Amino acid sequence: MLRKASQKVQPMSDQITYNKLVRDSIPEIISEDGKEPITHIADSKEYEMSLLNKLREEVEEFIEEPSEEEIADILEVLDALAKQYGFSGNSIKEAKREKAQARGAFNEKIILEKVILKSR
């Protein structure tokens, strides 16, 4: 049984506080492990902020240990952010294509070291 955060809980000596967005099945997985997840459903503003924090978390995990799984986590969060902001997959792909056409992609591995400003 899931308990809402607003409900009173008996004092527990063993608990971990997260206060972070988790995947939809995590509370059920926690319950199946014999533990009690305390959750609530975020409003739109909290959800947006939580997604941005989750994106930061997933990118940091990827930087620490690059893997396909971490890239998948990042893409999952980006998909949720796109949905939250009302962006369609097609419009994102088109914006990506247009930006690559106008400014290039990252295929040539170019590092900009500096720019010398010339006098007129």
PDB file of N, CA and C in Angstrom:
ATOM      1  N   MET A   1       0.836  -1.193   0.000  1.00  0.00           N
ATOM      2  CA  MET A   1       0.000   0.000   0.000  1.00  0.00           C
ATOM      3  C   MET A   1       0.873   1.246   0.000  1.00  0.00           C
ATOM      4  N   LEU A   2       0.582   2.202  -0.864  1.00  0.00           N
ATOM      5  CA  LEU A   2       1.318   3.446  -0.918  1.00  0.00           C
ATOM      6  C   LEU A   2       0.684   4.440   0.036  1.00  0.00           C
ATOM      7  N   ARG A   3       1.506   5.126   0.740  1.00  0.00           N
ATOM      8  CA  ARG A   3       1.027   6.125   1.692  1.00  0.00           C
ATOM      9  C   ARG A   3       1.401   7.499   1.165  1.00  0.00           C
ATOM     10  N   LYS A   4       0.495   8.443   1.253  1.00  0.00           N
ATOM     11  CA  LYS A   4       0.771   9.801   0.819  1.00  0.00           C
ATOM     12  C   LYS A   4       1.616  10.503   1.870  1.00  0.00           C
ATOM     13  N   ALA A   5       2.454  11.407   1.412  1.00  0.00           N
ATOM     14  CA  ALA A   5       3.365  12.104   2.313  1.00  0.00           C
ATOM     15  C   ALA A   5       2.628  12.866   3.396  1.00  0.00           C
ATOM     16  N   SER A   6       1.395  13.284   3.135  1.00  0.00           N
ATOM     17  CA  SER A   6       0.648  14.063   4.112  1.00  0.00           C
ATOM     18  C   SER A   6       0.109  13.204   5.255  1.00  0.00           C
ATOM     19  N   GLN A   7       0.088  11.891   5.078  1.00  0.00           N
ATOM     20  CA  GLN A   7      -0.407  11.022   6.128  1.00  0.00           C
ATOM     21  C   GLN A   7       0.649  10.867   7.213  1.00  0.00           C
ATOM     22  N   LYS A   8       0.183  10.686   8.453  1.00  0.00           N
ATOM     23  CA  LYS A   8       1.111  10.519   9.563  1.00  0.00           C
ATOM     24  C   LYS A   8       1.700   9.118   9.533  1.00  0.00           C
ATOM     25  N   VAL A   9       2.966   9.057   9.876  1.00  0.00           N
ATOM     26  CA  VAL A   9       3.691   7.793   9.867  1.00  0.00           C
ATOM     27  C   VAL A   9       4.257   7.567  11.257  1.00  0.00           C
ATOM     28  N   GLN A  10       4.228   6.324  11.679  1.00  0.00           N
ATOM     29  CA  GLN A  10       4.859   5.988  12.954  1.00  0.00           C
ATOM     30  C   GLN A  10       6.352   6.314  12.846  1.00  0.00           C
ATOM     31  N   PRO A  11       6.945   6.825  13.928  1.00  0.00           N
ATOM     32  CA  PRO A  11       8.378   7.131  13.869  1.00  0.00           C
ATOM     33  C   PRO A  11       9.166   5.877  13.482  1.00  0.00           C
ATOM     34  N   MET A  12      10.076   6.066  12.542  1.00  0.00           N
ATOM     35  CA  MET A  12      10.898   4.957  12.084  1.00  0.00           C
ATOM     36  C   MET A  12      12.355   5.277  12.374  1.00  0.00           C
ATOM     37  N   SER A  13      13.080   4.269  12.810  1.00  0.00           N
ATOM     38  CA  SER A  13      14.497   4.487  13.040  1.00  0.00           C
ATOM     39  C   SER A  13      15.288   4.297  11.751  1.00  0.00           C
ATOM     40  N   ASP A  14      14.761   3.484  10.849  1.00  0.00           N
ATOM     41  CA  ASP A  14      15.458   3.225   9.595  1.00  0.00           C
ATOM     42  C   ASP A  14      14.642   3.770   8.435  1.00  0.00           C
ATOM     43  N   GLN A  15      15.097   4.869   7.877  1.00  0.00           N
ATOM     44  CA  GLN A  15      14.443   5.432   6.704  1.00  0.00           C
ATOM     45  C   GLN A  15      15.459   6.229   5.910  1.00  0.00           C
ATOM     46  N   ILE A  16      15.195   6.360   4.636  1.00  0.00           N
ATOM     47  CA  ILE A  16      16.038   7.149   3.753  1.00  0.00           C
ATOM     48  C   ILE A  16      15.134   8.177   3.094  1.00  0.00           C
ATOM     49  N   THR A  17      15.512   9.431   3.130  1.00  0.00           N
ATOM     50  CA  THR A  17      14.743  10.500   2.518  1.00  0.00           C
ATOM     51  C   THR A  17      15.342  10.818   1.157  1.00  0.00           C
ATOM     52  N   TYR A  18      14.507  10.821   0.139  1.00  0.00           N
ATOM     53  CA  TYR A  18      14.951  11.092  -1.223  1.00  0.00           C
ATOM     54  C   TYR A  18      14.405  12.416  -1.766  1.00  0.00           C
ATOM     55  N   ASN A  19      13.106  12.616  -1.685  1.00  0.00           N
ATOM     56  CA  ASN A  19      12.464  13.811  -2.247  1.00  0.00           C
ATOM     57  C   ASN A  19      12.912  14.056  -3.688  1.00  0.00           C
ATOM     58  N   LYS A  20      12.812  13.033  -4.527  1.00  0.00           N
ATOM     59  CA  LYS A  20      13.188  13.179  -5.925  1.00  0.00           C
ATOM     60  C   LYS A  20      12.246  12.396  -6.813  1.00  0.00           C
ATOM     61  N   LEU A  21      12.186  12.796  -8.065  1.00  0.00           N
ATOM     62  CA  LEU A  21      11.361  12.135  -9.060  1.00  0.00           C
ATOM     63  C   LEU A  21      11.923  10.743  -9.333  1.00  0.00           C
ATOM     64  N   VAL A  22      11.022   9.756  -9.376  1.00  0.00           N
ATOM     65  CA  VAL A  22      11.434   8.390  -9.697  1.00  0.00           C
ATOM     66  C   VAL A  22      10.561   7.858 -10.827  1.00  0.00           C
ATOM     67  N   ARG A  23      11.048   6.816 -11.471  1.00  0.00           N
ATOM     68  CA  ARG A  23      10.271   6.166 -12.530  1.00  0.00           C
ATOM     69  C   ARG A  23       8.976   5.618 -11.947  1.00  0.00           C
ATOM     70  N   ASP A  24       7.960   5.476 -12.796  1.00  0.00           N
ATOM     71  CA  ASP A  24       6.610   5.123 -12.365  1.00  0.00           C
ATOM     72  C   ASP A  24       6.518   3.819 -11.570  1.00  0.00           C
ATOM     73  N   SER A  25       7.345   2.849 -11.854  1.00  0.00           N
ATOM     74  CA  SER A  25       7.247   1.541 -11.197  1.00  0.00           C
ATOM     75  C   SER A  25       8.069   1.430  -9.917  1.00  0.00           C
ATOM     76  N   ILE A  26       8.850   2.439  -9.579  1.00  0.00           N
ATOM     77  CA  ILE A  26       9.737   2.351  -8.411  1.00  0.00           C
ATOM     78  C   ILE A  26       8.964   2.139  -7.105  1.00  0.00           C
ATOM     79  N   PRO A  27       7.857   2.859  -6.838  1.00  0.00           N
ATOM     80  CA  PRO A  27       7.141   2.591  -5.578  1.00  0.00           C
ATOM     81  C   PRO A  27       6.694   1.126  -5.458  1.00  0.00           C
ATOM     82  N   GLU A  28       6.218   0.544  -6.545  1.00  0.00           N
ATOM     83  CA  GLU A  28       5.795  -0.859  -6.526  1.00  0.00           C
ATOM     84  C   GLU A  28       6.982  -1.782  -6.263  1.00  0.00           C
ATOM     85  N   ILE A  29       8.095  -1.497  -6.873  1.00  0.00           N
ATOM     86  CA  ILE A  29       9.307  -2.306  -6.665  1.00  0.00           C
ATOM     87  C   ILE A  29       9.744  -2.224  -5.204  1.00  0.00           C
ATOM     88  N   ILE A  30       9.675  -1.039  -4.627  1.00  0.00           N
ATOM     89  CA  ILE A  30      10.033  -0.860  -3.212  1.00  0.00           C
ATOM     90  C   ILE A  30       9.094  -1.664  -2.324  1.00  0.00           C
ATOM     91  N   SER A  31       7.793  -1.602  -2.619  1.00  0.00           N
ATOM     92  CA  SER A  31       6.807  -2.364  -1.841  1.00  0.00           C
ATOM     93  C   SER A  31       7.059  -3.862  -1.941  1.00  0.00           C
ATOM     94  N   GLU A  32       7.365  -4.342  -3.138  1.00  0.00           N
ATOM     95  CA  GLU A  32       7.637  -5.765  -3.339  1.00  0.00           C
ATOM     96  C   GLU A  32       8.864  -6.215  -2.557  1.00  0.00           C
ATOM     97  N   ASP A  33       9.743  -5.261  -2.224  1.00  0.00           N
ATOM     98  CA  ASP A  33      10.940  -5.557  -1.444  1.00  0.00           C
ATOM     99  C   ASP A  33      10.660  -5.482   0.060  1.00  0.00           C
ATOM    100  N   GLY A  34       9.381  -5.322   0.427  1.00  0.00           N
ATOM    101  CA  GLY A  34       8.999  -5.311   1.834  1.00  0.00           C
ATOM    102  C   GLY A  34       9.184  -3.979   2.526  1.00  0.00           C
ATOM    103  N   LYS A  35       9.371  -2.923   1.772  1.00  0.00           N
ATOM    104  CA  LYS A  35       9.543  -1.586   2.337  1.00  0.00           C
ATOM    105  C   LYS A  35       8.316  -0.742   1.998  1.00  0.00           C
ATOM    106  N   GLU A  36       8.176   0.389   2.655  1.00  0.00           N
ATOM    107  CA  GLU A  36       7.013   1.247   2.438  1.00  0.00           C
ATOM    108  C   GLU A  36       7.436   2.576   1.817  1.00  0.00           C
ATOM    109  N   PRO A  37       7.112   2.781   0.547  1.00  0.00           N
ATOM    110  CA  PRO A  37       7.438   4.070  -0.069  1.00  0.00           C
ATOM    111  C   PRO A  37       6.408   5.133   0.322  1.00  0.00           C
ATOM    112  N   ILE A  38       6.867   6.295   0.654  1.00  0.00           N
ATOM    113  CA  ILE A  38       5.997   7.439   0.919  1.00  0.00           C
ATOM    114  C   ILE A  38       6.136   8.357  -0.298  1.00  0.00           C
ATOM    115  N   THR A  39       5.022   8.595  -1.005  1.00  0.00           N
ATOM    116  CA  THR A  39       5.071   9.342  -2.262  1.00  0.00           C
ATOM    117  C   THR A  39       3.984  10.400  -2.313  1.00  0.00           C
ATOM    118  N   HIS A  40       4.087  11.271  -3.275  1.00  0.00           N
ATOM    119  CA  HIS A  40       2.999  12.173  -3.644  1.00  0.00           C
ATOM    120  C   HIS A  40       3.118  12.452  -5.133  1.00  0.00           C
ATOM    121  N   ILE A  41       2.060  12.936  -5.730  1.00  0.00           N
ATOM    122  CA  ILE A  41       2.048  13.292  -7.145  1.00  0.00           C
ATOM    123  C   ILE A  41       2.387  14.779  -7.260  1.00  0.00           C
ATOM    124  N   ALA A  42       3.400  15.082  -8.042  1.00  0.00           N
ATOM    125  CA  ALA A  42       3.862  16.460  -8.206  1.00  0.00           C
ATOM    126  C   ALA A  42       2.855  17.276  -9.005  1.00  0.00           C
ATOM    127  N   ASP A  43       2.745  18.551  -8.644  1.00  0.00           N
ATOM    128  CA  ASP A  43       1.992  19.461  -9.516  1.00  0.00           C
ATOM    129  C   ASP A  43       2.907  19.830 -10.681  1.00  0.00           C
ATOM    130  N   SER A  44       2.408  20.586 -11.614  1.00  0.00           N
ATOM    131  CA  SER A  44       3.136  20.890 -12.846  1.00  0.00           C
ATOM    132  C   SER A  44       4.486  21.565 -12.574  1.00  0.00           C
ATOM    133  N   LYS A  45       4.495  22.532 -11.683  1.00  0.00           N
ATOM    134  CA  LYS A  45       5.725  23.278 -11.369  1.00  0.00           C
ATOM    135  C   LYS A  45       6.753  22.368 -10.698  1.00  0.00           C
ATOM    136  N   GLU A  46       6.309  21.585  -9.716  1.00  0.00           N
ATOM    137  CA  GLU A  46       7.231  20.672  -9.032  1.00  0.00           C
ATOM    138  C   GLU A  46       7.756  19.616 -10.009  1.00  0.00           C
ATOM    139  N   TYR A  47       6.886  19.131 -10.884  1.00  0.00           N
ATOM    140  CA  TYR A  47       7.283  18.130 -11.872  1.00  0.00           C
ATOM    141  C   TYR A  47       8.356  18.687 -12.806  1.00  0.00           C
ATOM    142  N   GLU A  48       8.148  19.910 -13.277  1.00  0.00           N
ATOM    143  CA  GLU A  48       9.131  20.545 -14.154  1.00  0.00           C
ATOM    144  C   GLU A  48      10.485  20.666 -13.455  1.00  0.00           C
ATOM    145  N   MET A  49      10.487  21.178 -12.233  1.00  0.00           N
ATOM    146  CA  MET A  49      11.742  21.331 -11.487  1.00  0.00           C
ATOM    147  C   MET A  49      12.377  19.971 -11.205  1.00  0.00           C
ATOM    148  N   SER A  50      11.553  18.985 -10.891  1.00  0.00           N
ATOM    149  CA  SER A  50      12.059  17.639 -10.615  1.00  0.00           C
ATOM    150  C   SER A  50      12.667  17.006 -11.863  1.00  0.00           C
ATOM    151  N   LEU A  51      12.063  17.240 -13.014  1.00  0.00           N
ATOM    152  CA  LEU A  51      12.635  16.737 -14.267  1.00  0.00           C
ATOM    153  C   LEU A  51      13.985  17.386 -14.550  1.00  0.00           C
ATOM    154  N   LEU A  52      14.084  18.669 -14.333  1.00  0.00           N
ATOM    155  CA  LEU A  52      15.362  19.352 -14.554  1.00  0.00           C
ATOM    156  C   LEU A  52      16.434  18.839 -13.597  1.00  0.00           C
ATOM    157  N   ASN A  53      16.060  18.613 -12.350  1.00  0.00           N
ATOM    158  CA  ASN A  53      17.007  18.031 -11.386  1.00  0.00           C
ATOM    159  C   ASN A  53      17.389  16.614 -11.785  1.00  0.00           C
ATOM    160  N   LYS A  54      16.412  15.841 -12.266  1.00  0.00           N
ATOM    161  CA  LYS A  54      16.670  14.469 -12.699  1.00  0.00           C
ATOM    162  C   LYS A  54      17.607  14.462 -13.904  1.00  0.00           C
ATOM    163  N   LEU A  55      17.413  15.414 -14.819  1.00  0.00           N
ATOM    164  CA  LEU A  55      18.304  15.502 -15.977  1.00  0.00           C
ATOM    165  C   LEU A  55      19.740  15.746 -15.518  1.00  0.00           C
ATOM    166  N   ARG A  56      19.911  16.677 -14.604  1.00  0.00           N
ATOM    167  CA  ARG A  56      21.245  16.971 -14.054  1.00  0.00           C
ATOM    168  C   ARG A  56      21.841  15.710 -13.415  1.00  0.00           C
ATOM    169  N   GLU A  57      21.027  15.014 -12.626  1.00  0.00           N
ATOM    170  CA  GLU A  57      21.477  13.785 -11.955  1.00  0.00           C
ATOM    171  C   GLU A  57      21.923  12.731 -12.975  1.00  0.00           C
ATOM    172  N   GLU A  58      21.102  12.525 -14.006  1.00  0.00           N
ATOM    173  CA  GLU A  58      21.417  11.496 -15.002  1.00  0.00           C
ATOM    174  C   GLU A  58      22.654  11.870 -15.820  1.00  0.00           C
ATOM    175  N   VAL A  59      22.814  13.140 -16.152  1.00  0.00           N
ATOM    176  CA  VAL A  59      24.003  13.567 -16.885  1.00  0.00           C
ATOM    177  C   VAL A  59      25.252  13.371 -16.024  1.00  0.00           C
ATOM    178  N   GLU A  60      25.170  13.711 -14.747  1.00  0.00           N
ATOM    179  CA  GLU A  60      26.311  13.506 -13.848  1.00  0.00           C
ATOM    180  C   GLU A  60      26.667  12.026 -13.749  1.00  0.00           C
ATOM    181  N   GLU A  61      25.660  11.157 -13.690  1.00  0.00           N
ATOM    182  CA  GLU A  61      25.917   9.721 -13.655  1.00  0.00           C
ATOM    183  C   GLU A  61      26.589   9.258 -14.942  1.00  0.00           C
ATOM    184  N   PHE A  62      26.166   9.805 -16.081  1.00  0.00           N
ATOM    185  CA  PHE A  62      26.784   9.449 -17.353  1.00  0.00           C
ATOM    186  C   PHE A  62      28.237   9.906 -17.395  1.00  0.00           C
ATOM    187  N   ILE A  63      28.498  11.119 -16.927  1.00  0.00           N
ATOM    188  CA  ILE A  63      29.871  11.642 -16.913  1.00  0.00           C
ATOM    189  C   ILE A  63      30.756  10.755 -16.044  1.00  0.00           C
ATOM    190  N   GLU A  64      30.215  10.329 -14.909  1.00  0.00           N
ATOM    191  CA  GLU A  64      30.963   9.476 -13.986  1.00  0.00           C
ATOM    192  C   GLU A  64      31.240   8.099 -14.577  1.00  0.00           C
ATOM    193  N   GLU A  65      30.232   7.530 -15.250  1.00  0.00           N
ATOM    194  CA  GLU A  65      30.374   6.191 -15.819  1.00  0.00           C
ATOM    195  C   GLU A  65      29.535   6.075 -17.099  1.00  0.00           C
ATOM    196  N   PRO A  66      30.143   6.457 -18.242  1.00  0.00           N
ATOM    197  CA  PRO A  66      29.398   6.411 -19.505  1.00  0.00           C
ATOM    198  C   PRO A  66      28.917   4.997 -19.837  1.00  0.00           C
ATOM    199  N   SER A  67      27.639   4.899 -20.211  1.00  0.00           N
ATOM    200  CA  SER A  67      27.076   3.610 -20.609  1.00  0.00           C
ATOM    201  C   SER A  67      25.809   3.860 -21.415  1.00  0.00           C
ATOM    202  N   GLU A  68      25.400   2.844 -22.163  1.00  0.00           N
ATOM    203  CA  GLU A  68      24.151   2.948 -22.910  1.00  0.00           C
ATOM    204  C   GLU A  68      22.979   3.134 -21.961  1.00  0.00           C
ATOM    205  N   GLU A  69      23.024   2.485 -20.804  1.00  0.00           N
ATOM    206  CA  GLU A  69      21.943   2.608 -19.821  1.00  0.00           C
ATOM    207  C   GLU A  69      21.794   4.049 -19.343  1.00  0.00           C
ATOM    208  N   GLU A  70      22.917   4.718 -19.105  1.00  0.00           N
ATOM    209  CA  GLU A  70      22.852   6.113 -18.651  1.00  0.00           C
ATOM    210  C   GLU A  70      22.341   7.033 -19.761  1.00  0.00           C
ATOM    211  N   ILE A  71      22.747   6.771 -21.007  1.00  0.00           N
ATOM    212  CA  ILE A  71      22.209   7.541 -22.138  1.00  0.00           C
ATOM    213  C   ILE A  71      20.699   7.324 -22.233  1.00  0.00           C
ATOM    214  N   ALA A  72      20.256   6.084 -22.027  1.00  0.00           N
ATOM    215  CA  ALA A  72      18.815   5.783 -22.062  1.00  0.00           C
ATOM    216  C   ALA A  72      18.081   6.560 -20.974  1.00  0.00           C
ATOM    217  N   ASP A  73      18.674   6.657 -19.783  1.00  0.00           N
ATOM    218  CA  ASP A  73      18.057   7.430 -18.700  1.00  0.00           C
ATOM    219  C   ASP A  73      17.941   8.907 -19.079  1.00  0.00           C
ATOM    220  N   ILE A  74      18.986   9.444 -19.683  1.00  0.00           N
ATOM    221  CA  ILE A  74      18.967  10.847 -20.107  1.00  0.00           C
ATOM    222  C   ILE A  74      17.869  11.066 -21.143  1.00  0.00           C
ATOM    223  N   LEU A  75      17.792  10.165 -22.119  1.00  0.00           N
ATOM    224  CA  LEU A  75      16.769  10.292 -23.162  1.00  0.00           C
ATOM    225  C   LEU A  75      15.362  10.184 -22.586  1.00  0.00           C
ATOM    226  N   GLU A  76      15.174   9.316 -21.591  1.00  0.00           N
ATOM    227  CA  GLU A  76      13.861   9.180 -20.939  1.00  0.00           C
ATOM    228  C   GLU A  76      13.449  10.496 -20.287  1.00  0.00           C
ATOM    229  N   VAL A  77      14.397  11.142 -19.613  1.00  0.00           N
ATOM    230  CA  VAL A  77      14.104  12.428 -18.972  1.00  0.00           C
ATOM    231  C   VAL A  77      13.851  13.500 -20.028  1.00  0.00           C
ATOM    232  N   LEU A  78      14.638  13.514 -21.094  1.00  0.00           N
ATOM    233  CA  LEU A  78      14.416  14.487 -22.163  1.00  0.00           C
ATOM    234  C   LEU A  78      13.051  14.299 -22.813  1.00  0.00           C
ATOM    235  N   ASP A  79      12.637  13.052 -23.003  1.00  0.00           N
ATOM    236  CA  ASP A  79      11.298  12.786 -23.548  1.00  0.00           C
ATOM    237  C   ASP A  79      10.213  13.350 -22.628  1.00  0.00           C
ATOM    238  N   ALA A  80      10.384  13.145 -21.322  1.00  0.00           N
ATOM    239  CA  ALA A  80       9.396  13.655 -20.360  1.00  0.00           C
ATOM    240  C   ALA A  80       9.381  15.182 -20.360  1.00  0.00           C
ATOM    241  N   LEU A  81      10.573  15.798 -20.451  1.00  0.00           N
ATOM    242  CA  LEU A  81      10.634  17.263 -20.518  1.00  0.00           C
ATOM    243  C   LEU A  81       9.956  17.784 -21.782  1.00  0.00           C
ATOM    244  N   ALA A  82      10.198  17.135 -22.903  1.00  0.00           N
ATOM    245  CA  ALA A  82       9.564  17.551 -24.153  1.00  0.00           C
ATOM    246  C   ALA A  82       8.049  17.488 -24.019  1.00  0.00           C
ATOM    247  N   LYS A  83       7.555  16.415 -23.435  1.00  0.00           N
ATOM    248  CA  LYS A  83       6.109  16.271 -23.233  1.00  0.00           C
ATOM    249  C   LYS A  83       5.590  17.354 -22.281  1.00  0.00           C
ATOM    250  N   GLN A  84       6.325  17.613 -21.209  1.00  0.00           N
ATOM    251  CA  GLN A  84       5.930  18.633 -20.230  1.00  0.00           C
ATOM    252  C   GLN A  84       5.814  20.012 -20.883  1.00  0.00           C
ATOM    253  N   TYR A  85       6.738  20.326 -21.779  1.00  0.00           N
ATOM    254  CA  TYR A  85       6.741  21.626 -22.437  1.00  0.00           C
ATOM    255  C   TYR A  85       5.880  21.652 -23.700  1.00  0.00           C
ATOM    256  N   GLY A  86       5.290  20.521 -24.053  1.00  0.00           N
ATOM    257  CA  GLY A  86       4.422  20.471 -25.216  1.00  0.00           C
ATOM    258  C   GLY A  86       5.160  20.419 -26.545  1.00  0.00           C
ATOM    259  N   PHE A  87       6.403  19.956 -26.540  1.00  0.00           N
ATOM    260  CA  PHE A  87       7.187  19.837 -27.764  1.00  0.00           C
ATOM    261  C   PHE A  87       6.941  18.467 -28.375  1.00  0.00           C
ATOM    262  N   SER A  88       6.784  18.426 -29.687  1.00  0.00           N
ATOM    263  CA  SER A  88       6.588  17.136 -30.354  1.00  0.00           C
ATOM    264  C   SER A  88       7.932  16.584 -30.811  1.00  0.00           C
ATOM    265  N   GLY A  89       7.983  15.270 -30.936  1.00  0.00           N
ATOM    266  CA  GLY A  89       9.201  14.620 -31.419  1.00  0.00           C
ATOM    267  C   GLY A  89       9.602  15.135 -32.787  1.00  0.00           C
ATOM    268  N   ASN A  90       8.615  15.345 -33.648  1.00  0.00           N
ATOM    269  CA  ASN A  90       8.910  15.831 -34.999  1.00  0.00           C
ATOM    270  C   ASN A  90       9.470  17.247 -34.979  1.00  0.00           C
ATOM    271  N   SER A  91       8.916  18.112 -34.135  1.00  0.00           N
ATOM    272  CA  SER A  91       9.414  19.492 -34.088  1.00  0.00           C
ATOM    273  C   SER A  91      10.828  19.541 -33.504  1.00  0.00           C
ATOM    274  N   ILE A  92      11.114  18.663 -32.564  1.00  0.00           N
ATOM    275  CA  ILE A  92      12.465  18.604 -31.995  1.00  0.00           C
ATOM    276  C   ILE A  92      13.455  18.119 -33.052  1.00  0.00           C
ATOM    277  N   LYS A  93      13.079  17.084 -33.786  1.00  0.00           N
ATOM    278  CA  LYS A  93      13.958  16.572 -34.850  1.00  0.00           C
ATOM    279  C   LYS A  93      14.197  17.641 -35.912  1.00  0.00           C
ATOM    280  N   GLU A  94      13.157  18.390 -36.244  1.00  0.00           N
ATOM    281  CA  GLU A  94      13.291  19.449 -37.244  1.00  0.00           C
ATOM    282  C   GLU A  94      14.207  20.560 -36.724  1.00  0.00           C
ATOM    283  N   ALA A  95      14.056  20.955 -35.470  1.00  0.00           N
ATOM    284  CA  ALA A  95      14.917  21.987 -34.884  1.00  0.00           C
ATOM    285  C   ALA A  95      16.367  21.511 -34.857  1.00  0.00           C
ATOM    286  N   LYS A  96      16.570  20.254 -34.532  1.00  0.00           N
ATOM    287  CA  LYS A  96      17.918  19.671 -34.512  1.00  0.00           C
ATOM    288  C   LYS A  96      18.519  19.695 -35.920  1.00  0.00           C
ATOM    289  N   ARG A  97      17.723  19.305 -36.911  1.00  0.00           N
ATOM    290  CA  ARG A  97      18.185  19.287 -38.299  1.00  0.00           C
ATOM    291  C   ARG A  97      18.543  20.696 -38.770  1.00  0.00           C
ATOM    292  N   GLU A  98      17.665  21.658 -38.475  1.00  0.00           N
ATOM    293  CA  GLU A  98      17.910  23.040 -38.874  1.00  0.00           C
ATOM    294  C   GLU A  98      19.163  23.610 -38.215  1.00  0.00           C
ATOM    295  N   LYS A  99      19.344  23.313 -36.943  1.00  0.00           N
ATOM    296  CA  LYS A  99      20.516  23.815 -36.233  1.00  0.00           C
ATOM    297  C   LYS A  99      21.787  23.198 -36.801  1.00  0.00           C
ATOM    298  N   ALA A 100      21.746  21.902 -37.085  1.00  0.00           N
ATOM    299  CA  ALA A 100      22.909  21.229 -37.672  1.00  0.00           C
ATOM    300  C   ALA A 100      23.218  21.796 -39.051  1.00  0.00           C
ATOM    301  N   GLN A 101      22.181  22.108 -39.817  1.00  0.00           N
ATOM    302  CA  GLN A 101      22.375  22.662 -41.152  1.00  0.00           C
ATOM    303  C   GLN A 101      22.977  24.066 -41.068  1.00  0.00           C
ATOM    304  N   ALA A 102      22.520  24.869 -40.120  1.00  0.00           N
ATOM    305  CA  ALA A 102      22.982  26.250 -40.002  1.00  0.00           C
ATOM    306  C   ALA A 102      24.344  26.369 -39.316  1.00  0.00           C
ATOM    307  N   ARG A 103      24.607  25.531 -38.304  1.00  0.00           N
ATOM    308  CA  ARG A 103      25.814  25.678 -37.496  1.00  0.00           C
ATOM    309  C   ARG A 103      26.689  24.431 -37.462  1.00  0.00           C
ATOM    310  N   GLY A 104      26.202  23.367 -38.078  1.00  0.00           N
ATOM    311  CA  GLY A 104      26.941  22.112 -38.057  1.00  0.00           C
ATOM    312  C   GLY A 104      26.523  21.260 -36.877  1.00  0.00           C
ATOM    313  N   ALA A 105      27.076  20.053 -36.831  1.00  0.00           N
ATOM    314  CA  ALA A 105      26.817  19.140 -35.713  1.00  0.00           C
ATOM    315  C   ALA A 105      28.092  19.096 -34.863  1.00  0.00           C
ATOM    316  N   PHE A 106      28.413  17.964 -34.312  1.00  0.00           N
ATOM    317  CA  PHE A 106      29.638  17.802 -33.533  1.00  0.00           C
ATOM    318  C   PHE A 106      30.478  16.657 -34.089  1.00  0.00           C
ATOM    319  N   ASN A 107      30.311  16.372 -35.383  1.00  0.00           N
ATOM    320  CA  ASN A 107      30.967  15.232 -36.004  1.00  0.00           C
ATOM    321  C   ASN A 107      32.458  15.424 -36.215  1.00  0.00           C
ATOM    322  N   GLU A 108      32.899  16.657 -36.424  1.00  0.00           N
ATOM    323  CA  GLU A 108      34.300  16.905 -36.760  1.00  0.00           C
ATOM    324  C   GLU A 108      35.188  17.118 -35.542  1.00  0.00           C
ATOM    325  N   LYS A 109      34.630  17.047 -34.359  1.00  0.00           N
ATOM    326  CA  LYS A 109      35.393  17.092 -33.094  1.00  0.00           C
ATOM    327  C   LYS A 109      36.198  18.384 -32.928  1.00  0.00           C
ATOM    328  N   ILE A 110      35.677  19.497 -33.407  1.00  0.00           N
ATOM    329  CA  ILE A 110      36.378  20.788 -33.379  1.00  0.00           C
ATOM    330  C   ILE A 110      36.308  21.384 -31.973  1.00  0.00           C
ATOM    331  N   ILE A 111      37.465  21.772 -31.444  1.00  0.00           N
ATOM    332  CA  ILE A 111      37.563  22.482 -30.165  1.00  0.00           C
ATOM    333  C   ILE A 111      37.959  23.923 -30.476  1.00  0.00           C
ATOM    334  N   LEU A 112      37.129  24.884 -30.105  1.00  0.00           N
ATOM    335  CA  LEU A 112      37.453  26.299 -30.296  1.00  0.00           C
ATOM    336  C   LEU A 112      38.347  26.731 -29.145  1.00  0.00           C
ATOM    337  N   GLU A 113      39.590  27.043 -29.455  1.00  0.00           N
ATOM    338  CA  GLU A 113      40.546  27.432 -28.413  1.00  0.00           C
ATOM    339  C   GLU A 113      40.398  28.903 -28.043  1.00  0.00           C
ATOM    340  N   LYS A 114      40.332  29.766 -29.046  1.00  0.00           N
ATOM    341  CA  LYS A 114      40.164  31.204 -28.794  1.00  0.00           C
ATOM    342  C   LYS A 114      39.799  31.880 -30.097  1.00  0.00           C
ATOM    343  N   VAL A 115      39.445  33.145 -30.007  1.00  0.00           N
ATOM    344  CA  VAL A 115      39.123  33.968 -31.165  1.00  0.00           C
ATOM    345  C   VAL A 115      39.959  35.238 -31.053  1.00  0.00           C
ATOM    346  N   ILE A 116      40.697  35.539 -32.104  1.00  0.00           N
ATOM    347  CA  ILE A 116      41.505  36.758 -32.145  1.00  0.00           C
ATOM    348  C   ILE A 116      40.630  37.871 -32.709  1.00  0.00           C
ATOM    349  N   LEU A 117      40.452  38.927 -31.943  1.00  0.00           N
ATOM    350  CA  LEU A 117      39.665  40.069 -32.378  1.00  0.00           C
ATOM    351  C   LEU A 117      40.541  40.994 -33.206  1.00  0.00           C
ATOM    352  N   LYS A 118      40.105  41.328 -34.379  1.00  0.00           N
ATOM    353  CA  LYS A 118      40.886  42.173 -35.295  1.00  0.00           C
ATOM    354  C   LYS A 118      40.394  43.597 -35.204  1.00  0.00           C
ATOM    355  N   SER A 119      41.344  44.530 -35.276  1.00  0.00           N
ATOM    356  CA  SER A 119      40.993  45.953 -35.280  1.00  0.00           C
ATOM    357  C   SER A 119      40.448  46.319 -36.634  1.00  0.00           C
ATOM    358  N   ARG A 120      39.544  47.281 -36.634  1.00  0.00           N
ATOM    359  CA  ARG A 120      38.962  47.725 -37.911  1.00  0.00           C
ATOM    360  C   ARG A 120      39.672  48.916 -38.415  1.00  0.00           C
TER     361      ARG A 120
END
